[in-house]
Amino acid sequence: MWYRATVVLRSRVDGGRFSAWFSSDGGDDDVGVNGKLEIPKKPVSNKKKSAKERLVEFCGLFSKEDQVLVVINADPDAIASAMAVKRLLRYRVKSVTIAYPNEIRRLNNVVMVDLLKIPMERLHTVKVGDFTKKVMLDSQPSHLPCFENITFDAVIDHHPASKGWIAPFVDIRKDFGATASMLVEYLRAGNLKPSVALATALFYAIKVDTRNFEKKATLADAISFRYLFNIANQNLVRKIELSSFRRSELNYFKTALNEMKVSKQRLYAHLGKVSSPDMLVLIADFLNQVHDVAWVFVSGLHNDKLVVIFRCDGYKKNAGRLAEKMFQAIGSAGGHREAARAEVPLRNLPAERHEFSTKTLMRLTTKHLL
């Protein structure tokens, strides 16, 4: 069931009141915040699990001698969630390493990692076989080719479930606005109060992934957000938020505006080669603010791949479904109703599409929207 709720917060960052769509079945809020990790003795199955029941199942995967690899596709939600898992496992395993495959180029994310001093390693620099347990957060094994050869023991995510993989522990709740909100439930179920750095990361992650609760979210997202509000350092949150663009990146906006084409309330722009796919996301979000535009499609080339970003209002539209329909057979694609992404190796594109342009993007999307 979905209903409208209004939450009042006093914030120096964005102050006042916000409202959002919440689900009444989003999670648990009856847990403590202080002390050592407390785990129930027996797991519960065959019914809807509480946060405590999920926690005991998750922690039951690990032993004192385990060396754990946490794999993420680095963005604020994934990074914060990885920090939370590292906190959960601090005294339960031998070591926890966070690894990511993508280059962190988006300035907000670089500043977040630097300010909060988050230790992470590039996935290609670690020996996956040296780790006894592997955990994936805010993503799924089928989302990127580099994940497919890793056998994961646990997957925690808020994106719709994809096919072609299994894991002993799976917690996928697609109604949640952020994986970070799910990890806050785990922390609270274990009576673990997050440090200021961890709370700041989780708070910022929820803000980003729910777009300040402008996107559909659960009541549990709001509960986690409110819980973190008094612990997080709001000055650090503001510093991260205000670090959006490098001066050199403004040229991409110029290219997008020059290339932009609009037809039937659909806006298209192909940027050619980009230094990071994150620029495509920033530009798609910017263009999505244009009045009287129902769809936004922004594409670019990065590391011999075509990357396409989809945006819409989600009303009688489904960006994730369209992305899958267009590209899943030749690459990776998926997302939510309002936002989606596809990545396709250039070698998988038909020969006539190797010279990709805004007109190519228009023809391709129009074919599937008819």
Protein backbone atom coordinates (compact mmCIF):
# COMPACT_ATOMS: atom_id res chain seq x y z
CA MET A 1 0.00 0.00 0.00
CA TRP A 2 1.26 3.49 -0.84
CA TYR A 3 0.32 6.68 0.96
CA ARG A 4 1.49 10.25 1.19
CA ALA A 5 3.39 11.41 4.26
CA THR A 6 4.94 14.72 5.23
CA VAL A 7 8.05 14.80 7.39
CA VAL A 8 9.20 18.00 9.06
CA LEU A 9 12.93 18.43 9.62
CA ARG A 10 14.95 21.44 10.74
CA SER A 11 18.06 21.42 8.60
CA ARG A 12 20.73 23.96 7.83
CA VAL A 13 21.34 22.09 4.60
CA ASP A 14 17.93 22.09 2.95
CA GLY A 15 15.70 23.03 5.90
CA GLY A 16 11.99 22.79 6.46
CA ARG A 17 9.56 20.28 5.12
CA PHE A 18 9.55 17.61 2.48
CA SER A 19 6.95 15.12 1.38
CA ALA A 20 7.29 11.84 -0.45
CA TRP A 21 5.54 8.64 -1.37
CA PHE A 22 6.07 5.94 1.21
CA SER A 23 5.23 2.26 1.35
CA SER A 24 3.67 0.95 4.54
CA ASP A 25 5.69 -2.28 4.35
CA GLY A 26 9.15 -0.78 4.17
CA GLY A 27 10.94 -2.09 7.23
CA ASP A 28 11.55 -2.07 10.94
CA ASP A 29 12.03 0.82 13.31
CA ASP A 30 11.83 -0.80 16.73
CA VAL A 31 15.50 -1.32 17.41
CA GLY A 32 18.13 0.31 19.58
CA VAL A 33 21.09 2.47 18.68
CA ASN A 34 23.87 1.86 21.20
CA GLY A 35 26.16 -0.89 22.37
CA LYS A 36 27.65 -4.05 20.93
CA LEU A 37 26.28 -6.05 18.06
CA GLU A 38 23.39 -8.13 19.41
CA ILE A 39 22.27 -11.06 17.28
CA PRO A 40 19.26 -13.30 17.97
CA LYS A 41 20.20 -16.93 18.50
CA LYS A 42 18.05 -18.54 15.81
CA PRO A 43 17.16 -17.36 12.31
CA VAL A 44 13.50 -17.19 11.35
CA SER A 45 12.25 -18.34 7.96
CA ASN A 46 9.04 -18.89 6.01
CA LYS A 47 7.66 -15.48 6.85
CA LYS A 48 8.42 -11.86 6.17
CA LYS A 49 11.70 -11.20 7.93
CA SER A 50 12.32 -8.41 10.41
CA ALA A 51 15.57 -6.46 10.47
CA LYS A 52 16.85 -8.65 13.32
CA GLU A 53 16.06 -11.82 11.39
CA ARG A 54 17.89 -10.54 8.33
CA LEU A 55 20.84 -9.55 10.51
CA VAL A 56 21.24 -13.00 12.05
CA GLU A 57 21.11 -14.65 8.62
CA PHE A 58 23.67 -12.26 7.21
CA CYS A 59 26.10 -12.46 10.12
CA GLY A 60 25.70 -16.23 10.20
CA LEU A 61 27.59 -16.40 6.91
CA PHE A 62 30.86 -15.29 8.50
CA SER A 63 33.47 -16.66 10.88
CA LYS A 64 36.43 -15.12 12.71
CA GLU A 65 38.92 -16.30 10.07
CA ASP A 66 37.06 -14.89 7.07
CA GLN A 67 38.66 -12.33 4.81
CA VAL A 68 35.74 -10.49 3.25
CA LEU A 69 35.66 -8.68 -0.09
CA VAL A 70 32.86 -6.12 -0.45
CA VAL A 71 32.28 -5.35 -4.13
CA ILE A 72 30.49 -2.19 -5.23
CA ASN A 73 30.02 -0.02 -8.29
CA ALA A 74 31.19 3.11 -6.51
CA ASP A 75 28.53 5.77 -6.00
CA PRO A 76 27.36 7.40 -2.73
CA ASP A 77 24.78 4.71 -1.92
CA ALA A 78 27.16 1.83 -2.62
CA ILE A 79 30.08 3.46 -0.79
CA ALA A 80 28.01 4.24 2.31
CA SER A 81 26.51 0.74 2.32
CA ALA A 82 29.99 -0.78 2.12
CA MET A 83 31.10 1.32 5.09
CA ALA A 84 28.09 0.02 7.03
CA VAL A 85 28.87 -3.62 6.23
CA LYS A 86 32.46 -3.05 7.29
CA ARG A 87 31.16 -1.74 10.62
CA LEU A 88 28.80 -4.69 11.02
CA LEU A 89 31.63 -7.17 10.47
CA ARG A 90 34.38 -5.32 12.35
CA TYR A 91 34.65 -7.82 15.22
CA ARG A 92 33.24 -10.84 13.40
CA VAL A 93 35.83 -11.41 10.65
CA LYS A 94 39.56 -11.16 10.10
CA SER A 95 39.42 -8.35 7.53
CA VAL A 96 37.07 -6.42 5.23
CA THR A 97 38.22 -4.90 1.93
CA ILE A 98 36.03 -2.64 -0.21
CA ALA A 99 36.71 -2.86 -3.95
CA TYR A 100 35.15 -1.18 -6.98
CA PRO A 101 35.68 -1.56 -10.76
CA ASN A 102 34.74 1.92 -11.98
CA GLU A 103 36.94 4.99 -11.97
CA ILE A 104 35.55 7.53 -9.49
CA ARG A 105 35.37 10.71 -11.56
CA ARG A 106 32.26 12.51 -10.34
CA LEU A 107 33.52 15.32 -8.15
CA ASN A 108 30.92 14.87 -5.40
CA ASN A 109 32.00 11.25 -5.02
CA VAL A 110 35.70 12.11 -5.00
CA VAL A 111 35.10 14.71 -2.29
CA MET A 112 32.98 12.24 -0.28
CA VAL A 113 35.75 9.63 -0.29
CA ASP A 114 38.43 12.20 0.56
CA LEU A 115 36.55 14.06 3.32
CA LEU A 116 35.35 10.89 5.05
CA LYS A 117 38.69 9.11 4.49
CA ILE A 118 37.08 5.96 3.09
CA PRO A 119 39.64 3.20 2.31
CA MET A 120 38.83 1.42 -0.96
CA GLU A 121 40.73 -0.41 -3.69
CA ARG A 122 40.20 -0.89 -7.42
CA LEU A 123 38.78 -4.33 -8.12
CA HIS A 124 41.41 -5.21 -10.73
CA THR A 125 44.19 -4.68 -8.15
CA VAL A 126 42.93 -7.28 -5.66
CA LYS A 127 43.17 -11.06 -5.93
CA VAL A 128 39.56 -12.13 -5.60
CA GLY A 129 40.62 -15.72 -4.88
CA ASP A 130 42.40 -14.64 -1.70
CA PHE A 131 39.08 -13.76 -0.04
CA THR A 132 36.97 -16.38 1.67
CA LYS A 133 33.68 -14.44 1.45
CA LYS A 134 32.35 -11.95 -1.08
CA VAL A 135 29.53 -9.46 -0.59
CA MET A 136 27.88 -7.32 -3.26
CA LEU A 137 26.03 -4.11 -2.35
CA ASP A 138 23.74 -1.78 -4.30
CA SER A 139 24.18 -3.90 -7.42
CA GLN A 140 23.77 -7.46 -8.68
CA PRO A 141 26.18 -9.94 -10.30
CA SER A 142 24.54 -9.59 -13.72
CA HIS A 143 24.81 -5.80 -13.78
CA LEU A 144 28.42 -5.63 -15.04
CA PRO A 145 30.53 -8.21 -16.89
CA CYS A 146 33.36 -7.90 -14.33
CA PHE A 147 30.97 -9.16 -11.62
CA GLU A 148 29.83 -12.27 -13.46
CA ASN A 149 32.88 -14.43 -12.67
CA ILE A 150 32.70 -13.75 -8.93
CA THR A 151 30.69 -16.08 -6.70
CA PHE A 152 28.99 -13.93 -4.09
CA ASP A 153 27.93 -15.12 -0.65
CA ALA A 154 25.59 -12.18 -0.05
CA VAL A 155 23.83 -9.60 -2.21
CA ILE A 156 22.02 -6.61 -0.69
CA ASP A 157 20.37 -4.20 -3.12
CA HIS A 158 17.35 -1.99 -3.76
CA HIS A 159 17.24 -2.38 -7.55
CA PRO A 160 14.75 -4.78 -9.18
CA ALA A 161 16.00 -8.37 -9.11
CA SER A 162 17.83 -9.52 -12.22
CA LYS A 163 18.22 -13.08 -13.50
CA GLY A 164 21.17 -15.39 -14.03
CA TRP A 165 22.74 -15.54 -10.56
CA ILE A 166 22.26 -17.03 -7.09
CA ALA A 167 23.73 -16.37 -3.64
CA PRO A 168 23.26 -17.97 -0.19
CA PHE A 169 22.01 -14.67 1.25
CA VAL A 170 19.91 -12.27 -0.81
CA ASP A 171 18.17 -9.14 0.45
CA ILE A 172 16.59 -7.25 -2.44
CA ARG A 173 13.89 -4.71 -1.63
CA LYS A 174 13.10 -2.74 -4.76
CA ASP A 175 10.64 -0.40 -3.01
CA PHE A 176 13.45 1.12 -0.95
CA GLY A 177 14.86 4.41 -2.17
CA ALA A 178 18.42 3.51 -1.14
CA THR A 179 20.44 0.48 -0.12
CA ALA A 180 21.85 2.71 2.63
CA SER A 181 18.41 2.76 4.28
CA MET A 182 18.45 -1.04 4.37
CA LEU A 183 21.90 -1.04 6.00
CA VAL A 184 20.73 1.43 8.64
CA GLU A 185 18.15 -1.19 9.63
CA TYR A 186 20.93 -3.78 9.97
CA LEU A 187 22.96 -1.43 12.17
CA ARG A 188 20.02 -0.59 14.39
CA ALA A 189 19.02 -4.25 14.64
CA GLY A 190 22.50 -4.93 16.02
CA ASN A 191 22.33 -1.98 18.45
CA LEU A 192 25.22 -0.31 16.62
CA LYS A 193 25.21 3.47 16.59
CA PRO A 194 27.12 4.69 13.51
CA SER A 195 30.12 6.98 13.84
CA VAL A 196 29.80 10.55 12.56
CA ALA A 197 31.64 9.61 9.36
CA LEU A 198 29.44 6.57 8.71
CA ALA A 199 26.25 8.48 9.54
CA THR A 200 27.31 11.30 7.22
CA ALA A 201 27.92 8.86 4.37
CA LEU A 202 24.60 7.06 4.90
CA PHE A 203 22.68 10.34 5.26
CA TYR A 204 24.17 11.74 2.05
CA ALA A 205 23.53 8.45 0.21
CA ILE A 206 19.83 8.51 1.08
CA LYS A 207 19.59 12.16 0.00
CA VAL A 208 21.19 11.35 -3.35
CA ASP A 209 19.32 8.15 -4.19
CA THR A 210 15.90 9.49 -3.18
CA ARG A 211 16.71 12.90 -4.70
CA ASN A 212 15.78 14.52 -1.42
CA PHE A 213 12.65 12.34 -1.31
CA GLU A 214 11.35 13.57 -4.64
CA LYS A 215 11.46 9.95 -5.83
CA LYS A 216 9.20 7.21 -4.51
CA ALA A 217 10.60 5.78 -1.28
CA THR A 218 9.50 3.76 1.73
CA LEU A 219 8.64 4.98 5.18
CA ALA A 220 11.77 3.11 6.26
CA ASP A 221 13.87 5.47 4.11
CA ALA A 222 12.42 8.45 5.98
CA ILE A 223 12.91 6.75 9.36
CA SER A 224 16.56 6.01 8.53
CA PHE A 225 17.06 9.55 7.23
CA ARG A 226 15.59 11.09 10.37
CA TYR A 227 17.61 8.77 12.62
CA LEU A 228 20.85 9.79 10.89
CA PHE A 229 20.02 13.50 10.84
CA ASN A 230 21.27 14.25 14.36
CA ILE A 231 24.41 12.09 14.01
CA ALA A 232 25.66 13.17 10.57
CA ASN A 233 27.92 16.19 10.14
CA GLN A 234 25.75 18.55 8.09
CA ASN A 235 28.69 20.80 7.23
CA LEU A 236 30.42 17.86 5.54
CA VAL A 237 27.20 16.95 3.73
CA ARG A 238 26.99 20.49 2.38
CA LYS A 239 30.64 20.44 1.25
CA ILE A 240 30.05 17.19 -0.64
CA GLU A 241 26.84 18.46 -2.25
CA LEU A 242 28.33 21.75 -3.43
CA SER A 243 31.28 20.08 -5.19
CA SER A 244 29.51 19.25 -8.46
CA PHE A 245 31.58 20.22 -11.50
CA ARG A 246 35.14 20.75 -12.61
CA ARG A 247 35.60 23.72 -14.91
CA SER A 248 36.78 21.41 -17.71
CA GLU A 249 33.53 19.45 -17.50
CA LEU A 250 31.42 22.45 -18.50
CA ASN A 251 32.37 21.73 -22.12
CA TYR A 252 30.19 18.62 -21.98
CA PHE A 253 27.17 20.80 -21.24
CA LYS A 254 28.05 22.92 -24.27
CA THR A 255 28.21 19.77 -26.42
CA ALA A 256 24.90 18.50 -25.03
CA LEU A 257 23.12 21.77 -25.76
CA ASN A 258 24.55 21.91 -29.28
CA GLU A 259 23.66 18.27 -30.01
CA MET A 260 20.26 18.33 -28.31
CA LYS A 261 17.24 17.37 -30.40
CA VAL A 262 13.62 17.33 -29.22
CA SER A 263 10.76 15.39 -30.80
CA LYS A 264 7.38 14.39 -29.35
CA GLN A 265 8.37 15.53 -25.84
CA ARG A 266 11.52 13.40 -26.02
CA LEU A 267 14.92 15.02 -25.63
CA TYR A 268 18.01 13.37 -27.10
CA ALA A 269 21.72 14.19 -26.90
CA HIS A 270 24.82 12.17 -27.82
CA LEU A 271 28.06 13.55 -26.39
CA GLY A 272 30.62 11.36 -28.14
CA LYS A 273 33.62 10.34 -26.01
CA VAL A 274 33.39 11.28 -22.32
CA SER A 275 35.96 11.10 -19.53
CA SER A 276 33.43 9.43 -17.24
CA PRO A 277 29.87 8.07 -17.60
CA ASP A 278 29.02 10.15 -14.53
CA MET A 279 28.97 13.21 -16.80
CA LEU A 280 26.15 11.62 -18.79
CA VAL A 281 24.18 11.17 -15.56
CA LEU A 282 24.73 14.80 -14.53
CA ILE A 283 23.65 16.09 -17.93
CA ALA A 284 20.62 13.79 -18.10
CA ASP A 285 19.48 15.00 -14.68
CA PHE A 286 20.01 18.60 -15.79
CA LEU A 287 18.04 18.16 -19.02
CA ASN A 288 15.30 16.30 -17.17
CA GLN A 289 14.36 19.66 -15.62
CA VAL A 290 13.32 21.09 -19.01
CA HIS A 291 9.62 21.96 -19.14
CA ASP A 292 7.36 19.90 -21.39
CA VAL A 293 9.85 17.06 -21.84
CA ALA A 294 8.61 13.57 -20.92
CA TRP A 295 11.72 11.53 -21.77
CA VAL A 296 15.45 12.32 -21.71
CA PHE A 297 18.04 10.13 -23.46
CA VAL A 298 21.73 11.01 -23.12
CA SER A 299 24.47 8.81 -24.56
CA GLY A 300 28.24 8.79 -24.82
CA LEU A 301 31.25 6.58 -25.43
CA HIS A 302 33.57 5.44 -22.65
CA ASN A 303 36.15 2.63 -22.60
CA ASP A 304 34.90 1.11 -25.87
CA LYS A 305 31.32 1.05 -24.62
CA LEU A 306 28.17 2.92 -25.53
CA VAL A 307 26.58 4.26 -22.34
CA VAL A 308 22.96 5.45 -22.46
CA ILE A 309 21.21 7.24 -19.58
CA PHE A 310 17.39 7.24 -19.45
CA ARG A 311 15.22 9.68 -17.51
CA CYS A 312 11.44 10.15 -17.35
CA ASP A 313 8.74 11.08 -14.85
CA GLY A 314 7.68 7.46 -14.33
CA TYR A 315 4.02 8.24 -15.02
CA LYS A 316 2.78 5.51 -17.36
CA LYS A 317 6.43 5.08 -18.33
CA ASN A 318 9.18 2.72 -17.23
CA ALA A 319 12.75 3.71 -18.01
CA GLY A 320 14.20 0.48 -16.62
CA ARG A 321 11.96 -1.68 -18.78
CA LEU A 322 12.74 0.37 -21.88
CA ALA A 323 16.50 0.12 -21.26
CA GLU A 324 16.23 -3.66 -20.95
CA LYS A 325 14.08 -3.91 -24.06
CA MET A 326 16.58 -1.91 -26.09
CA PHE A 327 19.93 -3.20 -24.87
CA GLN A 328 19.79 -6.22 -22.55
CA ALA A 329 20.37 -8.67 -25.40
CA ILE A 330 23.69 -7.03 -26.34
CA GLY A 331 24.87 -5.49 -23.06
CA SER A 332 23.86 -4.68 -19.50
CA ALA A 333 20.72 -2.61 -18.89
CA GLY A 334 18.20 -1.86 -16.17
CA GLY A 335 17.03 0.57 -13.53
CA HIS A 336 13.89 2.06 -12.02
CA ARG A 337 10.71 3.53 -13.50
CA GLU A 338 12.16 7.07 -13.54
CA ALA A 339 15.84 6.36 -14.19
CA ALA A 340 17.83 3.70 -16.01
CA ARG A 341 21.15 2.98 -17.66
CA ALA A 342 22.57 0.74 -20.36
CA GLU A 343 26.16 -0.15 -21.23
CA VAL A 344 26.94 -1.92 -24.49
CA PRO A 345 30.38 -2.96 -25.80
CA LEU A 346 30.86 -1.24 -29.16
CA ARG A 347 31.75 -4.58 -30.74
CA ASN A 348 28.19 -5.76 -29.99
CA LEU A 349 26.58 -2.93 -31.94
CA PRO A 350 25.58 -3.49 -35.58
CA ALA A 351 28.14 -2.10 -38.00
CA GLU A 352 25.88 0.76 -39.10
CA ARG A 353 25.68 2.02 -35.51
CA HIS A 354 29.42 2.23 -34.88
CA GLU A 355 29.24 5.88 -35.95
CA PHE A 356 26.77 6.64 -33.17
CA SER A 357 25.10 10.08 -33.14
CA THR A 358 22.11 11.87 -31.66
CA LYS A 359 20.11 10.86 -34.74
CA THR A 360 21.08 7.21 -34.17
CA LEU A 361 19.88 7.50 -30.58
CA MET A 362 16.59 9.00 -31.79
CA ARG A 363 15.99 6.22 -34.33
CA LEU A 364 16.79 3.49 -31.84
CA THR A 365 14.55 4.78 -29.05
CA THR A 366 11.68 5.73 -31.37
CA LYS A 367 11.65 2.18 -32.70
CA HIS A 368 11.03 0.79 -29.19
CA LEU A 369 8.64 3.51 -28.03
CA LEU A 370 6.18 3.04 -30.89
